Amino acid sequence: MTDTDLTKRARRIIKEIAAELDPDRIARLFEDPITMVAREYQLRRMYPITHRDFYRIVADFVRQVYDRALAASWTMTDPLAEALWILEYHYGSPVYGGGYAAAFLDANDPEAGGIQTVVMGLAESIKGIERHNYTQAVFTRHLHRCSWRLRCEIVRALLEDCQAFIPERLAKCVPAQLVDEIPSLVSMSISSDAALRQIVSS
């Protein structure tokens, strides 16, 4: 493969990754559908909320998100376990901290938004998990068969594209030093493109 062919291939891979990671695409794929399910989720205001009520609500909401928003091709066998795992490791309350206990306290605090706050927090947590999983899959699909030489060329192209935005210490690196940072460089490139589009449109 000539250097020109290598550069063209690197540019094509960057373009394909950027298209799949476009924020509008991600929003359409799962962020907007998850938001819609959360907004439509009907909750009866009740206090105090028992642990049993809490389990029922969070399990039902998680099941609905996977069924309606994510259109999962598999059936969730234990939505409660999934909900409790998400709450324990991804939920954050500005008042009570993180984890399941904080979510349960939020649910019983009308001034903190009550159970609706927990539902919206679950929705945001699921978005974050899905975004992470989707992003990892995109990079794996596009990069796992790339040779070392091609990966270095991808880095070279990304450094060229982001030269106005990258920190000086990164600009001094040779491409081989940054091969493991391709995901970060692509994210930087997408962010810089979005910033430039915003400047031009305003």
Protein backbone atom coordinates (compact mmCIF):
# COMPACT_ATOMS: atom_id res chain seq x y z
CA MET A 1 0.00 0.00 0.00
CA THR A 2 1.41 3.39 -1.00
CA ASP A 3 1.59 6.33 1.40
CA THR A 4 -1.17 8.04 -0.59
CA ASP A 5 -3.43 4.97 -0.32
CA LEU A 6 -2.68 4.74 3.39
CA THR A 7 -3.60 8.40 3.93
CA LYS A 8 -6.84 7.98 1.96
CA ARG A 9 -7.77 4.90 3.96
CA ALA A 10 -7.00 6.66 7.26
CA ARG A 11 -9.14 9.63 6.22
CA ARG A 12 -12.00 7.33 5.21
CA ILE A 13 -11.91 5.53 8.56
CA ILE A 14 -11.91 8.84 10.46
CA LYS A 15 -14.86 10.06 8.38
CA GLU A 16 -16.82 6.85 9.01
CA ILE A 17 -16.16 6.94 12.76
CA ALA A 18 -17.09 10.62 12.98
CA ALA A 19 -20.34 9.98 11.08
CA GLU A 20 -21.32 7.18 13.46
CA LEU A 21 -20.42 9.27 16.52
CA ASP A 22 -22.19 12.40 15.31
CA PRO A 23 -24.11 13.79 18.33
CA ASP A 24 -27.30 14.14 16.27
CA ARG A 25 -27.09 10.48 15.24
CA ILE A 26 -26.55 9.36 18.84
CA ALA A 27 -29.49 11.51 19.95
CA ARG A 28 -31.74 9.90 17.34
CA LEU A 29 -30.57 6.38 18.08
CA PHE A 30 -31.16 6.29 21.83
CA GLU A 31 -30.91 9.58 23.73
CA ASP A 32 -34.14 11.12 22.40
CA PRO A 33 -36.13 7.85 22.71
CA ILE A 34 -34.97 7.42 26.33
CA THR A 35 -35.94 11.02 27.11
CA MET A 36 -39.37 10.44 25.56
CA VAL A 37 -40.00 7.33 27.68
CA ALA A 38 -38.94 9.22 30.82
CA ARG A 39 -41.25 12.14 30.05
CA GLU A 40 -44.19 9.88 29.31
CA TYR A 41 -43.69 7.72 32.37
CA GLN A 42 -46.70 8.33 34.59
CA LEU A 43 -46.11 8.35 38.33
CA ARG A 44 -48.64 8.77 41.09
CA ARG A 45 -47.30 11.09 43.78
CA MET A 46 -47.07 9.13 47.00
CA TYR A 47 -45.06 9.63 50.16
CA PRO A 48 -43.47 7.92 51.85
CA ILE A 49 -42.33 5.49 49.15
CA THR A 50 -41.61 2.07 50.58
CA HIS A 51 -38.74 -0.07 49.35
CA ARG A 52 -41.30 -2.32 47.69
CA ASP A 53 -42.86 0.63 45.81
CA PHE A 54 -39.41 1.87 44.88
CA TYR A 55 -38.36 -1.53 43.49
CA ARG A 56 -41.57 -1.79 41.47
CA ILE A 57 -41.19 1.69 39.94
CA VAL A 58 -37.50 1.50 39.01
CA ALA A 59 -37.83 -2.02 37.60
CA ASP A 60 -40.85 -1.06 35.51
CA PHE A 61 -39.15 2.08 34.22
CA VAL A 62 -35.96 0.25 33.22
CA ARG A 63 -38.01 -2.46 31.49
CA GLN A 64 -39.91 0.21 29.53
CA VAL A 65 -36.69 1.96 28.48
CA TYR A 66 -35.20 -1.26 27.12
CA ASP A 67 -38.46 -2.34 25.46
CA ARG A 68 -39.60 0.99 24.01
CA ALA A 69 -36.56 3.27 23.67
CA LEU A 70 -33.77 0.81 22.95
CA ALA A 71 -35.90 -1.81 21.21
CA ALA A 72 -33.69 -4.50 22.68
CA SER A 73 -33.69 -7.70 20.65
CA TRP A 74 -33.49 -9.70 23.87
CA THR A 75 -35.89 -9.90 26.81
CA MET A 76 -34.67 -8.47 30.09
CA THR A 77 -35.14 -11.26 32.61
CA ASP A 78 -34.45 -9.19 35.74
CA PRO A 79 -35.16 -5.47 35.27
CA LEU A 80 -34.96 -4.89 39.04
CA ALA A 81 -31.39 -6.20 39.21
CA GLU A 82 -30.46 -3.97 36.25
CA ALA A 83 -32.14 -0.93 37.84
CA LEU A 84 -30.41 -1.48 41.19
CA TRP A 85 -27.03 -1.93 39.50
CA ILE A 86 -27.48 1.31 37.53
CA LEU A 87 -28.53 3.19 40.66
CA GLU A 88 -25.66 1.85 42.75
CA TYR A 89 -22.92 2.58 40.23
CA HIS A 90 -24.24 5.45 38.09
CA TYR A 91 -26.82 7.45 40.06
CA GLY A 92 -25.82 10.77 41.59
CA SER A 93 -27.90 13.03 43.80
CA PRO A 94 -26.86 16.66 44.36
CA VAL A 95 -28.26 16.38 47.89
CA TYR A 96 -27.53 12.84 49.08
CA GLY A 97 -24.52 11.72 47.05
CA GLY A 98 -24.32 8.63 44.87
CA GLY A 99 -25.71 5.13 44.81
CA TYR A 100 -28.89 3.28 45.63
CA ALA A 101 -29.30 4.82 49.11
CA ALA A 102 -29.10 8.35 47.65
CA ALA A 103 -31.73 7.46 45.04
CA PHE A 104 -34.08 6.11 47.69
CA LEU A 105 -33.64 9.30 49.76
CA ASP A 106 -34.34 11.42 46.66
CA ALA A 107 -37.49 9.39 45.99
CA ASN A 108 -38.81 10.26 49.46
CA ASP A 109 -37.86 13.94 49.32
CA PRO A 110 -40.54 15.98 47.50
CA GLU A 111 -38.33 19.07 47.65
CA ALA A 112 -35.61 17.18 45.75
CA GLY A 113 -38.14 16.18 43.09
CA GLY A 114 -39.18 12.87 44.59
CA ILE A 115 -39.44 9.69 42.56
CA GLN A 116 -39.52 11.69 39.29
CA THR A 117 -35.95 12.80 40.02
CA VAL A 118 -34.93 9.15 40.35
CA VAL A 119 -36.64 8.24 37.07
CA MET A 120 -34.90 11.10 35.24
CA GLY A 121 -31.60 10.13 36.89
CA LEU A 122 -32.05 6.55 35.73
CA ALA A 123 -32.77 7.82 32.22
CA GLU A 124 -29.57 9.91 32.17
CA SER A 125 -27.55 7.02 33.57
CA ILE A 126 -28.84 4.63 30.91
CA LYS A 127 -28.00 7.21 28.23
CA GLY A 128 -24.45 7.39 29.55
CA ILE A 129 -24.10 3.61 29.61
CA GLU A 130 -25.54 3.22 26.11
CA ARG A 131 -23.37 6.06 24.78
CA HIS A 132 -20.26 4.42 26.23
CA ASN A 133 -21.14 0.97 24.87
CA TYR A 134 -22.04 2.35 21.44
CA THR A 135 -18.84 4.42 21.23
CA GLN A 136 -16.67 1.47 22.25
CA ALA A 137 -18.36 -0.70 19.60
CA VAL A 138 -17.77 1.90 16.89
CA PHE A 139 -14.05 2.15 17.65
CA THR A 140 -13.66 -1.62 17.94
CA ARG A 141 -15.43 -2.22 14.64
CA HIS A 142 -13.32 0.31 12.74
CA LEU A 143 -9.92 -0.12 14.37
CA HIS A 144 -9.50 -3.74 15.40
CA ARG A 145 -8.25 -4.87 11.96
CA CYS A 146 -6.09 -1.81 11.29
CA SER A 147 -2.38 -2.38 11.02
CA TRP A 148 -0.01 -0.45 13.26
CA ARG A 149 1.06 1.63 10.25
CA LEU A 150 -2.54 2.52 9.43
CA ARG A 151 -3.26 3.45 13.05
CA CYS A 152 -0.25 5.76 13.06
CA GLU A 153 -1.56 7.38 9.87
CA ILE A 154 -4.98 7.86 11.49
CA VAL A 155 -3.26 9.63 14.41
CA ARG A 156 -1.25 11.78 11.99
CA ALA A 157 -4.43 12.87 10.20
CA LEU A 158 -6.24 13.58 13.48
CA LEU A 159 -3.32 15.67 14.78
CA GLU A 160 -3.39 17.63 11.54
CA ASP A 161 -7.14 18.22 11.84
CA CYS A 162 -6.98 19.24 15.52
CA GLN A 163 -3.75 21.24 15.53
CA ALA A 164 -5.54 24.44 16.57
CA PHE A 165 -7.17 22.72 19.56
CA ILE A 166 -4.73 20.15 20.91
CA PRO A 167 -2.49 20.87 23.91
CA GLU A 168 1.12 21.67 23.07
CA ARG A 169 2.44 18.52 24.77
CA LEU A 170 0.29 16.36 22.44
CA ALA A 171 1.35 18.31 19.37
CA LYS A 172 4.96 17.41 20.12
CA CYS A 173 4.25 13.67 20.19
CA VAL A 174 4.94 11.40 17.24
CA PRO A 175 1.89 9.47 15.99
CA ALA A 176 3.17 6.14 17.35
CA GLN A 177 3.01 7.57 20.87
CA LEU A 178 -0.70 8.37 20.52
CA VAL A 179 -2.11 5.26 18.85
CA ASP A 180 -3.95 4.31 22.06
CA GLU A 181 -5.44 7.81 22.18
CA ILE A 182 -7.33 7.59 18.87
CA PRO A 183 -10.74 7.65 20.63
CA SER A 184 -9.79 10.83 22.54
CA LEU A 185 -8.42 12.47 19.40
CA VAL A 186 -11.57 11.62 17.43
CA SER A 187 -13.72 13.07 20.24
CA MET A 188 -11.58 16.21 20.17
CA SER A 189 -11.98 16.45 16.40
CA ILE A 190 -15.77 16.05 16.61
CA SER A 191 -15.97 18.66 19.40
CA SER A 192 -13.81 21.13 17.48
CA ASP A 193 -15.93 20.66 14.33
CA ALA A 194 -19.10 21.28 16.35
CA ALA A 195 -17.57 24.41 17.92
CA LEU A 196 -16.56 25.76 14.51
CA ARG A 197 -20.04 25.10 13.10
CA GLN A 198 -21.57 26.95 16.03
CA ILE A 199 -19.27 29.95 15.50
CA VAL A 200 -20.06 30.06 11.78
CA SER A 201 -23.84 29.79 12.33
CA SER A 202 -24.00 32.47 15.04
